[in-house]
Amino acid sequence: MPCELVDEPTVDRQRDWLMQAMVELDPEQRRALQAHLIDGQSLREVAQRQNRHAAKLRSVIQTAIARLQELAVRDGEMSDGELPLRSASL
């Protein structure tokens, strides 16, 4: 799985929060995150489907993750500055 939540007992709450927080992202960011981190498509696959360079897509995803981190702090979902998400390809 390309993306995994670290703390299993809170997966449902985190998933619910993530779905609500993603609404606050730019549509381009939301599509990229959905395709790569949630649907599990490689950066190369997503870049080809969206007709863009992988480097640009990586930047869009990193910006979106930074925004989600800000929202998580705002919403009390995290306090240490890092979302419990991991992707091997970023």
PDB file of N, CA and C in Angstrom:
ATOM      1  N   MET A   1       0.850  -1.176   0.000  1.00  0.00           N
ATOM      2  CA  MET A   1       0.000   0.000   0.000  1.00  0.00           C
ATOM      3  C   MET A   1       0.899   1.243   0.000  1.00  0.00           C
ATOM      4  N   PRO A   2       0.699   2.192  -0.911  1.00  0.00           N
ATOM      5  CA  PRO A   2       1.589   3.334  -1.014  1.00  0.00           C
ATOM      6  C   PRO A   2       1.478   4.320   0.134  1.00  0.00           C
ATOM      7  N   CYS A   3       0.362   4.336   0.798  1.00  0.00           N
ATOM      8  CA  CYS A   3       0.149   5.276   1.895  1.00  0.00           C
ATOM      9  C   CYS A   3      -0.478   4.516   3.037  1.00  0.00           C
ATOM     10  N   GLU A   4       0.030   4.708   4.229  1.00  0.00           N
ATOM     11  CA  GLU A   4      -0.573   4.016   5.344  1.00  0.00           C
ATOM     12  C   GLU A   4      -0.690   4.938   6.542  1.00  0.00           C
ATOM     13  N   LEU A   5      -1.754   4.765   7.277  1.00  0.00           N
ATOM     14  CA  LEU A   5      -1.936   5.506   8.514  1.00  0.00           C
ATOM     15  C   LEU A   5      -1.205   4.742   9.604  1.00  0.00           C
ATOM     16  N   VAL A   6      -0.486   5.449  10.450  1.00  0.00           N
ATOM     17  CA  VAL A   6       0.403   4.814  11.398  1.00  0.00           C
ATOM     18  C   VAL A   6      -0.325   4.201  12.592  1.00  0.00           C
ATOM     19  N   ASP A   7      -1.265   4.874  13.166  1.00  0.00           N
ATOM     20  CA  ASP A   7      -1.918   4.435  14.392  1.00  0.00           C
ATOM     21  C   ASP A   7      -3.255   3.772  14.049  1.00  0.00           C
ATOM     22  N   GLU A   8      -3.281   2.455  13.951  1.00  0.00           N
ATOM     23  CA  GLU A   8      -4.460   1.718  13.492  1.00  0.00           C
ATOM     24  C   GLU A   8      -5.751   1.999  14.275  1.00  0.00           C
ATOM     25  N   PRO A   9      -5.744   2.136  15.603  1.00  0.00           N
ATOM     26  CA  PRO A   9      -7.009   2.358  16.309  1.00  0.00           C
ATOM     27  C   PRO A   9      -7.733   3.654  15.931  1.00  0.00           C
ATOM     28  N   THR A  10      -7.025   4.582  15.346  1.00  0.00           N
ATOM     29  CA  THR A  10      -7.653   5.865  15.010  1.00  0.00           C
ATOM     30  C   THR A  10      -7.870   6.044  13.514  1.00  0.00           C
ATOM     31  N   VAL A  11      -7.762   4.954  12.758  1.00  0.00           N
ATOM     32  CA  VAL A  11      -7.859   5.034  11.302  1.00  0.00           C
ATOM     33  C   VAL A  11      -9.171   5.658  10.845  1.00  0.00           C
ATOM     34  N   ASP A  12     -10.296   5.221  11.374  1.00  0.00           N
ATOM     35  CA  ASP A  12     -11.586   5.751  10.928  1.00  0.00           C
ATOM     36  C   ASP A  12     -11.702   7.248  11.189  1.00  0.00           C
ATOM     37  N   ARG A  13     -11.292   7.701  12.368  1.00  0.00           N
ATOM     38  CA  ARG A  13     -11.367   9.126  12.692  1.00  0.00           C
ATOM     39  C   ARG A  13     -10.443   9.910  11.783  1.00  0.00           C
ATOM     40  N   GLN A  14      -9.241   9.403  11.546  1.00  0.00           N
ATOM     41  CA  GLN A  14      -8.293  10.078  10.665  1.00  0.00           C
ATOM     42  C   GLN A  14      -8.813  10.123   9.234  1.00  0.00           C
ATOM     43  N   ARG A  15      -9.392   9.023   8.791  1.00  0.00           N
ATOM     44  CA  ARG A  15      -9.939   8.985   7.432  1.00  0.00           C
ATOM     45  C   ARG A  15     -11.059  10.002   7.285  1.00  0.00           C
ATOM     46  N   ASP A  16     -11.936  10.069   8.272  1.00  0.00           N
ATOM     47  CA  ASP A  16     -13.027  11.053   8.233  1.00  0.00           C
ATOM     48  C   ASP A  16     -12.479  12.471   8.191  1.00  0.00           C
ATOM     49  N   TRP A  17     -11.477  12.744   9.040  1.00  0.00           N
ATOM     50  CA  TRP A  17     -10.880  14.077   9.047  1.00  0.00           C
ATOM     51  C   TRP A  17     -10.254  14.374   7.688  1.00  0.00           C
ATOM     52  N   LEU A  18      -9.519  13.411   7.139  1.00  0.00           N
ATOM     53  CA  LEU A  18      -8.842  13.615   5.862  1.00  0.00           C
ATOM     54  C   LEU A  18      -9.836  13.934   4.748  1.00  0.00           C
ATOM     55  N   MET A  19     -10.939  13.229   4.698  1.00  0.00           N
ATOM     56  CA  MET A  19     -11.943  13.476   3.664  1.00  0.00           C
ATOM     57  C   MET A  19     -12.498  14.903   3.788  1.00  0.00           C
ATOM     58  N   GLN A  20     -12.714  15.370   5.007  1.00  0.00           N
ATOM     59  CA  GLN A  20     -13.206  16.733   5.217  1.00  0.00           C
ATOM     60  C   GLN A  20     -12.127  17.758   4.874  1.00  0.00           C
ATOM     61  N   ALA A  21     -10.890  17.486   5.253  1.00  0.00           N
ATOM     62  CA  ALA A  21      -9.792  18.431   5.009  1.00  0.00           C
ATOM     63  C   ALA A  21      -9.470  18.544   3.524  1.00  0.00           C
ATOM     64  N   MET A  22      -9.596  17.461   2.803  1.00  0.00           N
ATOM     65  CA  MET A  22      -9.268  17.505   1.375  1.00  0.00           C
ATOM     66  C   MET A  22     -10.186  18.438   0.601  1.00  0.00           C
ATOM     67  N   VAL A  23     -11.382  18.683   1.113  1.00  0.00           N
ATOM     68  CA  VAL A  23     -12.301  19.624   0.472  1.00  0.00           C
ATOM     69  C   VAL A  23     -11.702  21.027   0.452  1.00  0.00           C
ATOM     70  N   GLU A  24     -10.833  21.316   1.418  1.00  0.00           N
ATOM     71  CA  GLU A  24     -10.223  22.644   1.507  1.00  0.00           C
ATOM     72  C   GLU A  24      -9.013  22.819   0.585  1.00  0.00           C
ATOM     73  N   LEU A  25      -8.603  21.743  -0.081  1.00  0.00           N
ATOM     74  CA  LEU A  25      -7.480  21.837  -1.006  1.00  0.00           C
ATOM     75  C   LEU A  25      -7.936  22.328  -2.371  1.00  0.00           C
ATOM     76  N   ASP A  26      -6.985  22.841  -3.122  1.00  0.00           N
ATOM     77  CA  ASP A  26      -7.211  23.193  -4.514  1.00  0.00           C
ATOM     78  C   ASP A  26      -7.608  21.907  -5.265  1.00  0.00           C
ATOM     79  N   PRO A  27      -8.518  21.982  -6.241  1.00  0.00           N
ATOM     80  CA  PRO A  27      -8.932  20.770  -6.964  1.00  0.00           C
ATOM     81  C   PRO A  27      -7.765  20.000  -7.586  1.00  0.00           C
ATOM     82  N   GLU A  28      -6.759  20.709  -8.103  1.00  0.00           N
ATOM     83  CA  GLU A  28      -5.583  20.054  -8.684  1.00  0.00           C
ATOM     84  C   GLU A  28      -4.837  19.248  -7.616  1.00  0.00           C
ATOM     85  N   GLN A  29      -4.689  19.830  -6.430  1.00  0.00           N
ATOM     86  CA  GLN A  29      -4.021  19.142  -5.329  1.00  0.00           C
ATOM     87  C   GLN A  29      -4.827  17.926  -4.891  1.00  0.00           C
ATOM     88  N   ARG A  30      -6.121  18.097  -4.794  1.00  0.00           N
ATOM     89  CA  ARG A  30      -7.008  17.016  -4.365  1.00  0.00           C
ATOM     90  C   ARG A  30      -6.923  15.835  -5.341  1.00  0.00           C
ATOM     91  N   ARG A  31      -6.971  16.116  -6.646  1.00  0.00           N
ATOM     92  CA  ARG A  31      -6.886  15.043  -7.652  1.00  0.00           C
ATOM     93  C   ARG A  31      -5.553  14.306  -7.557  1.00  0.00           C
ATOM     94  N   ALA A  32      -4.469  15.056  -7.390  1.00  0.00           N
ATOM     95  CA  ALA A  32      -3.140  14.434  -7.319  1.00  0.00           C
ATOM     96  C   ALA A  32      -3.005  13.561  -6.073  1.00  0.00           C
ATOM     97  N   LEU A  33      -3.437  14.072  -4.926  1.00  0.00           N
ATOM     98  CA  LEU A  33      -3.375  13.282  -3.692  1.00  0.00           C
ATOM     99  C   LEU A  33      -4.249  12.042  -3.784  1.00  0.00           C
ATOM    100  N   GLN A  34      -5.444  12.219  -4.284  1.00  0.00           N
ATOM    101  CA  GLN A  34      -6.370  11.088  -4.420  1.00  0.00           C
ATOM    102  C   GLN A  34      -5.739   9.994  -5.282  1.00  0.00           C
ATOM    103  N   ALA A  35      -5.224  10.384  -6.431  1.00  0.00           N
ATOM    104  CA  ALA A  35      -4.669   9.399  -7.360  1.00  0.00           C
ATOM    105  C   ALA A  35      -3.427   8.714  -6.798  1.00  0.00           C
ATOM    106  N   HIS A  36      -2.521   9.487  -6.206  1.00  0.00           N
ATOM    107  CA  HIS A  36      -1.247   8.917  -5.767  1.00  0.00           C
ATOM    108  C   HIS A  36      -1.328   8.268  -4.384  1.00  0.00           C
ATOM    109  N   LEU A  37      -1.729   9.012  -3.389  1.00  0.00           N
ATOM    110  CA  LEU A  37      -1.668   8.495  -2.023  1.00  0.00           C
ATOM    111  C   LEU A  37      -2.854   7.621  -1.638  1.00  0.00           C
ATOM    112  N   ILE A  38      -4.013   7.872  -2.210  1.00  0.00           N
ATOM    113  CA  ILE A  38      -5.193   7.100  -1.809  1.00  0.00           C
ATOM    114  C   ILE A  38      -5.447   5.945  -2.780  1.00  0.00           C
ATOM    115  N   ASP A  39      -5.401   6.235  -4.094  1.00  0.00           N
ATOM    116  CA  ASP A  39      -5.659   5.187  -5.089  1.00  0.00           C
ATOM    117  C   ASP A  39      -4.426   4.341  -5.379  1.00  0.00           C
ATOM    118  N   GLY A  40      -3.251   4.817  -4.963  1.00  0.00           N
ATOM    119  CA  GLY A  40      -2.040   4.028  -5.089  1.00  0.00           C
ATOM    120  C   GLY A  40      -1.356   4.057  -6.440  1.00  0.00           C
ATOM    121  N   GLN A  41      -1.682   5.025  -7.273  1.00  0.00           N
ATOM    122  CA  GLN A  41      -1.026   5.132  -8.575  1.00  0.00           C
ATOM    123  C   GLN A  41       0.376   5.722  -8.389  1.00  0.00           C
ATOM    124  N   SER A  42       1.311   5.291  -9.209  1.00  0.00           N
ATOM    125  CA  SER A  42       2.667   5.838  -9.132  1.00  0.00           C
ATOM    126  C   SER A  42       2.649   7.288  -9.618  1.00  0.00           C
ATOM    127  N   LEU A  43       3.695   8.024  -9.240  1.00  0.00           N
ATOM    128  CA  LEU A  43       3.816   9.407  -9.723  1.00  0.00           C
ATOM    129  C   LEU A  43       3.842   9.432 -11.249  1.00  0.00           C
ATOM    130  N   ARG A  44       4.542   8.498 -11.826  1.00  0.00           N
ATOM    131  CA  ARG A  44       4.630   8.433 -13.288  1.00  0.00           C
ATOM    132  C   ARG A  44       3.251   8.219 -13.914  1.00  0.00           C
ATOM    133  N   GLU A  45       2.455   7.302 -13.354  1.00  0.00           N
ATOM    134  CA  GLU A  45       1.108   7.055 -13.878  1.00  0.00           C
ATOM    135  C   GLU A  45       0.233   8.297 -13.773  1.00  0.00           C
ATOM    136  N   VAL A  46       0.260   8.928 -12.623  1.00  0.00           N
ATOM    137  CA  VAL A  46      -0.566  10.118 -12.413  1.00  0.00           C
ATOM    138  C   VAL A  46      -0.122  11.239 -13.350  1.00  0.00           C
ATOM    139  N   ALA A  47       1.175  11.429 -13.472  1.00  0.00           N
ATOM    140  CA  ALA A  47       1.701  12.473 -14.355  1.00  0.00           C
ATOM    141  C   ALA A  47       1.267  12.228 -15.799  1.00  0.00           C
ATOM    142  N   GLN A  48       1.340  10.991 -16.247  1.00  0.00           N
ATOM    143  CA  GLN A  48       0.920  10.679 -17.614  1.00  0.00           C
ATOM    144  C   GLN A  48      -0.569  10.930 -17.799  1.00  0.00           C
ATOM    145  N   ARG A  49      -1.372  10.504 -16.838  1.00  0.00           N
ATOM    146  CA  ARG A  49      -2.825  10.697 -16.933  1.00  0.00           C
ATOM    147  C   ARG A  49      -3.218  12.169 -16.894  1.00  0.00           C
ATOM    148  N   GLN A  50      -2.453  12.964 -16.141  1.00  0.00           N
ATOM    149  CA  GLN A  50      -2.765  14.384 -16.020  1.00  0.00           C
ATOM    150  C   GLN A  50      -1.962  15.231 -17.005  1.00  0.00           C
ATOM    151  N   ASN A  51      -1.198  14.568 -17.874  1.00  0.00           N
ATOM    152  CA  ASN A  51      -0.427  15.240 -18.917  1.00  0.00           C
ATOM    153  C   ASN A  51       0.492  16.333 -18.338  1.00  0.00           C
ATOM    154  N   ARG A  52       1.332  15.932 -17.384  1.00  0.00           N
ATOM    155  CA  ARG A  52       2.272  16.863 -16.756  1.00  0.00           C
ATOM    156  C   ARG A  52       3.552  16.139 -16.389  1.00  0.00           C
ATOM    157  N   HIS A  53       4.576  16.905 -16.090  1.00  0.00           N
ATOM    158  CA  HIS A  53       5.853  16.333 -15.667  1.00  0.00           C
ATOM    159  C   HIS A  53       5.735  15.805 -14.239  1.00  0.00           C
ATOM    160  N   ALA A  54       6.425  14.706 -13.968  1.00  0.00           N
ATOM    161  CA  ALA A  54       6.399  14.116 -12.631  1.00  0.00           C
ATOM    162  C   ALA A  54       6.948  15.082 -11.581  1.00  0.00           C
ATOM    163  N   ALA A  55       7.941  15.889 -11.932  1.00  0.00           N
ATOM    164  CA  ALA A  55       8.510  16.850 -10.976  1.00  0.00           C
ATOM    165  C   ALA A  55       7.463  17.880 -10.560  1.00  0.00           C
ATOM    166  N   LYS A  56       6.652  18.347 -11.487  1.00  0.00           N
ATOM    167  CA  LYS A  56       5.591  19.303 -11.170  1.00  0.00           C
ATOM    168  C   LYS A  56       4.540  18.633 -10.289  1.00  0.00           C
ATOM    169  N   LEU A  57       4.197  17.400 -10.624  1.00  0.00           N
ATOM    170  CA  LEU A  57       3.214  16.667  -9.827  1.00  0.00           C
ATOM    171  C   LEU A  57       3.721  16.460  -8.400  1.00  0.00           C
ATOM    172  N   ARG A  58       4.990  16.108  -8.260  1.00  0.00           N
ATOM    173  CA  ARG A  58       5.582  15.927  -6.936  1.00  0.00           C
ATOM    174  C   ARG A  58       5.466  17.219  -6.133  1.00  0.00           C
ATOM    175  N   SER A  59       5.719  18.349  -6.768  1.00  0.00           N
ATOM    176  CA  SER A  59       5.610  19.646  -6.104  1.00  0.00           C
ATOM    177  C   SER A  59       4.170  19.922  -5.669  1.00  0.00           C
ATOM    178  N   VAL A  60       3.215  19.609  -6.523  1.00  0.00           N
ATOM    179  CA  VAL A  60       1.790  19.797  -6.190  1.00  0.00           C
ATOM    180  C   VAL A  60       1.432  18.949  -4.971  1.00  0.00           C
ATOM    181  N   ILE A  61       1.881  17.697  -4.957  1.00  0.00           N
ATOM    182  CA  ILE A  61       1.573  16.793  -3.845  1.00  0.00           C
ATOM    183  C   ILE A  61       2.234  17.278  -2.562  1.00  0.00           C
ATOM    184  N   GLN A  62       3.492  17.695  -2.640  1.00  0.00           N
ATOM    185  CA  GLN A  62       4.183  18.180  -1.441  1.00  0.00           C
ATOM    186  C   GLN A  62       3.514  19.433  -0.879  1.00  0.00           C
ATOM    187  N   THR A  63       3.067  20.323  -1.753  1.00  0.00           N
ATOM    188  CA  THR A  63       2.352  21.525  -1.313  1.00  0.00           C
ATOM    189  C   THR A  63       1.032  21.150  -0.655  1.00  0.00           C
ATOM    190  N   ALA A  64       0.345  20.178  -1.237  1.00  0.00           N
ATOM    191  CA  ALA A  64      -0.925  19.730  -0.669  1.00  0.00           C
ATOM    192  C   ALA A  64      -0.727  19.093   0.703  1.00  0.00           C
ATOM    193  N   ILE A  65       0.319  18.298   0.849  1.00  0.00           N
ATOM    194  CA  ILE A  65       0.601  17.675   2.145  1.00  0.00           C
ATOM    195  C   ILE A  65       0.929  18.745   3.182  1.00  0.00           C
ATOM    196  N   ALA A  66       1.690  19.754   2.783  1.00  0.00           N
ATOM    197  CA  ALA A  66       1.998  20.855   3.707  1.00  0.00           C
ATOM    198  C   ALA A  66       0.714  21.557   4.147  1.00  0.00           C
ATOM    199  N   ARG A  67      -0.213  21.748   3.218  1.00  0.00           N
ATOM    200  CA  ARG A  67      -1.495  22.381   3.564  1.00  0.00           C
ATOM    201  C   ARG A  67      -2.289  21.486   4.501  1.00  0.00           C
ATOM    202  N   LEU A  68      -2.300  20.184   4.247  1.00  0.00           N
ATOM    203  CA  LEU A  68      -2.999  19.264   5.148  1.00  0.00           C
ATOM    204  C   LEU A  68      -2.380  19.293   6.545  1.00  0.00           C
ATOM    205  N   GLN A  69      -1.064  19.444   6.615  1.00  0.00           N
ATOM    206  CA  GLN A  69      -0.407  19.551   7.922  1.00  0.00           C
ATOM    207  C   GLN A  69      -0.883  20.793   8.663  1.00  0.00           C
ATOM    208  N   GLU A  70      -0.985  21.917   7.949  1.00  0.00           N
ATOM    209  CA  GLU A  70      -1.501  23.146   8.566  1.00  0.00           C
ATOM    210  C   GLU A  70      -2.924  22.929   9.084  1.00  0.00           C
ATOM    211  N   LEU A  71      -3.748  22.285   8.277  1.00  0.00           N
ATOM    212  CA  LEU A  71      -5.133  22.036   8.676  1.00  0.00           C
ATOM    213  C   LEU A  71      -5.196  21.080   9.862  1.00  0.00           C
ATOM    214  N   ALA A  72      -4.310  20.101   9.886  1.00  0.00           N
ATOM    215  CA  ALA A  72      -4.286  19.140  10.993  1.00  0.00           C
ATOM    216  C   ALA A  72      -3.923  19.829  12.307  1.00  0.00           C
ATOM    217  N   VAL A  73      -2.961  20.734  12.247  1.00  0.00           N
ATOM    218  CA  VAL A  73      -2.596  21.490  13.447  1.00  0.00           C
ATOM    219  C   VAL A  73      -3.782  22.351  13.878  1.00  0.00           C
ATOM    220  N   ARG A  74      -4.382  23.034  12.911  1.00  0.00           N
ATOM    221  CA  ARG A  74      -5.540  23.888  13.202  1.00  0.00           C
ATOM    222  C   ARG A  74      -6.668  23.091  13.869  1.00  0.00           C
ATOM    223  N   ASP A  75      -6.904  21.877  13.364  1.00  0.00           N
ATOM    224  CA  ASP A  75      -8.012  21.059  13.849  1.00  0.00           C
ATOM    225  C   ASP A  75      -7.654  20.175  15.038  1.00  0.00           C
ATOM    226  N   GLY A  76      -6.412  20.284  15.513  1.00  0.00           N
ATOM    227  CA  GLY A  76      -6.000  19.486  16.660  1.00  0.00           C
ATOM    228  C   GLY A  76      -5.730  18.025  16.330  1.00  0.00           C
ATOM    229  N   GLU A  77      -5.511  17.719  15.072  1.00  0.00           N
ATOM    230  CA  GLU A  77      -5.236  16.340  14.659  1.00  0.00           C
ATOM    231  C   GLU A  77      -3.768  15.974  14.836  1.00  0.00           C
ATOM    232  N   MET A  78      -2.918  16.979  14.965  1.00  0.00           N
ATOM    233  CA  MET A  78      -1.503  16.723  15.198  1.00  0.00           C
ATOM    234  C   MET A  78      -0.888  17.938  15.870  1.00  0.00           C
ATOM    235  N   SER A  79       0.175  17.685  16.597  1.00  0.00           N
ATOM    236  CA  SER A  79       0.854  18.806  17.235  1.00  0.00           C
ATOM    237  C   SER A  79       2.344  18.801  16.944  1.00  0.00           C
ATOM    238  N   ASP A  80       2.855  17.728  16.353  1.00  0.00           N
ATOM    239  CA  ASP A  80       4.300  17.642  16.132  1.00  0.00           C
ATOM    240  C   ASP A  80       4.738  18.069  14.741  1.00  0.00           C
ATOM    241  N   GLY A  81       3.824  18.570  13.912  1.00  0.00           N
ATOM    242  CA  GLY A  81       4.201  19.084  12.616  1.00  0.00           C
ATOM    243  C   GLY A  81       4.321  18.061  11.509  1.00  0.00           C
ATOM    244  N   GLU A  82       3.903  16.819  11.751  1.00  0.00           N
ATOM    245  CA  GLU A  82       4.012  15.823  10.697  1.00  0.00           C
ATOM    246  C   GLU A  82       2.783  14.924  10.672  1.00  0.00           C
ATOM    247  N   LEU A  83       2.149  14.859   9.502  1.00  0.00           N
ATOM    248  CA  LEU A  83       1.015  13.960   9.339  1.00  0.00           C
ATOM    249  C   LEU A  83       1.506  12.520   9.383  1.00  0.00           C
ATOM    250  N   PRO A  84       0.702  11.614   9.938  1.00  0.00           N
ATOM    251  CA  PRO A  84       1.125  10.217  10.002  1.00  0.00           C
ATOM    252  C   PRO A  84       0.906   9.497   8.670  1.00  0.00           C
ATOM    253  N   LEU A  85       1.386  10.087   7.578  1.00  0.00           N
ATOM    254  CA  LEU A  85       1.281   9.488   6.247  1.00  0.00           C
ATOM    255  C   LEU A  85       2.677   9.255   5.719  1.00  0.00           C
ATOM    256  N   ARG A  86       2.834   8.154   4.995  1.00  0.00           N
ATOM    257  CA  ARG A  86       4.127   7.872   4.402  1.00  0.00           C
ATOM    258  C   ARG A  86       3.925   7.479   2.956  1.00  0.00           C
ATOM    259  N   SER A  87       4.778   7.969   2.092  1.00  0.00           N
ATOM    260  CA  SER A  87       4.802   7.580   0.687  1.00  0.00           C
ATOM    261  C   SER A  87       6.250   7.385   0.297  1.00  0.00           C
ATOM    262  N   ALA A  88       6.562   6.231  -0.226  1.00  0.00           N
ATOM    263  CA  ALA A  88       7.945   5.917  -0.589  1.00  0.00           C
ATOM    264  C   ALA A  88       8.433   6.759  -1.760  1.00  0.00           C
ATOM    265  N   SER A  89       7.526   7.287  -2.554  1.00  0.00           N
ATOM    266  CA  SER A  89       7.962   7.967  -3.776  1.00  0.00           C
ATOM    267  C   SER A  89       8.038   9.468  -3.670  1.00  0.00           C
ATOM    268  N   LEU A  90       7.891  10.053  -2.498  1.00  0.00           N
ATOM    269  CA  LEU A  90       7.993  11.514  -2.379  1.00  0.00           C
ATOM    270  C   LEU A  90       9.275  11.926  -1.720  1.00  0.00           C
TER     271      LEU A  90
END
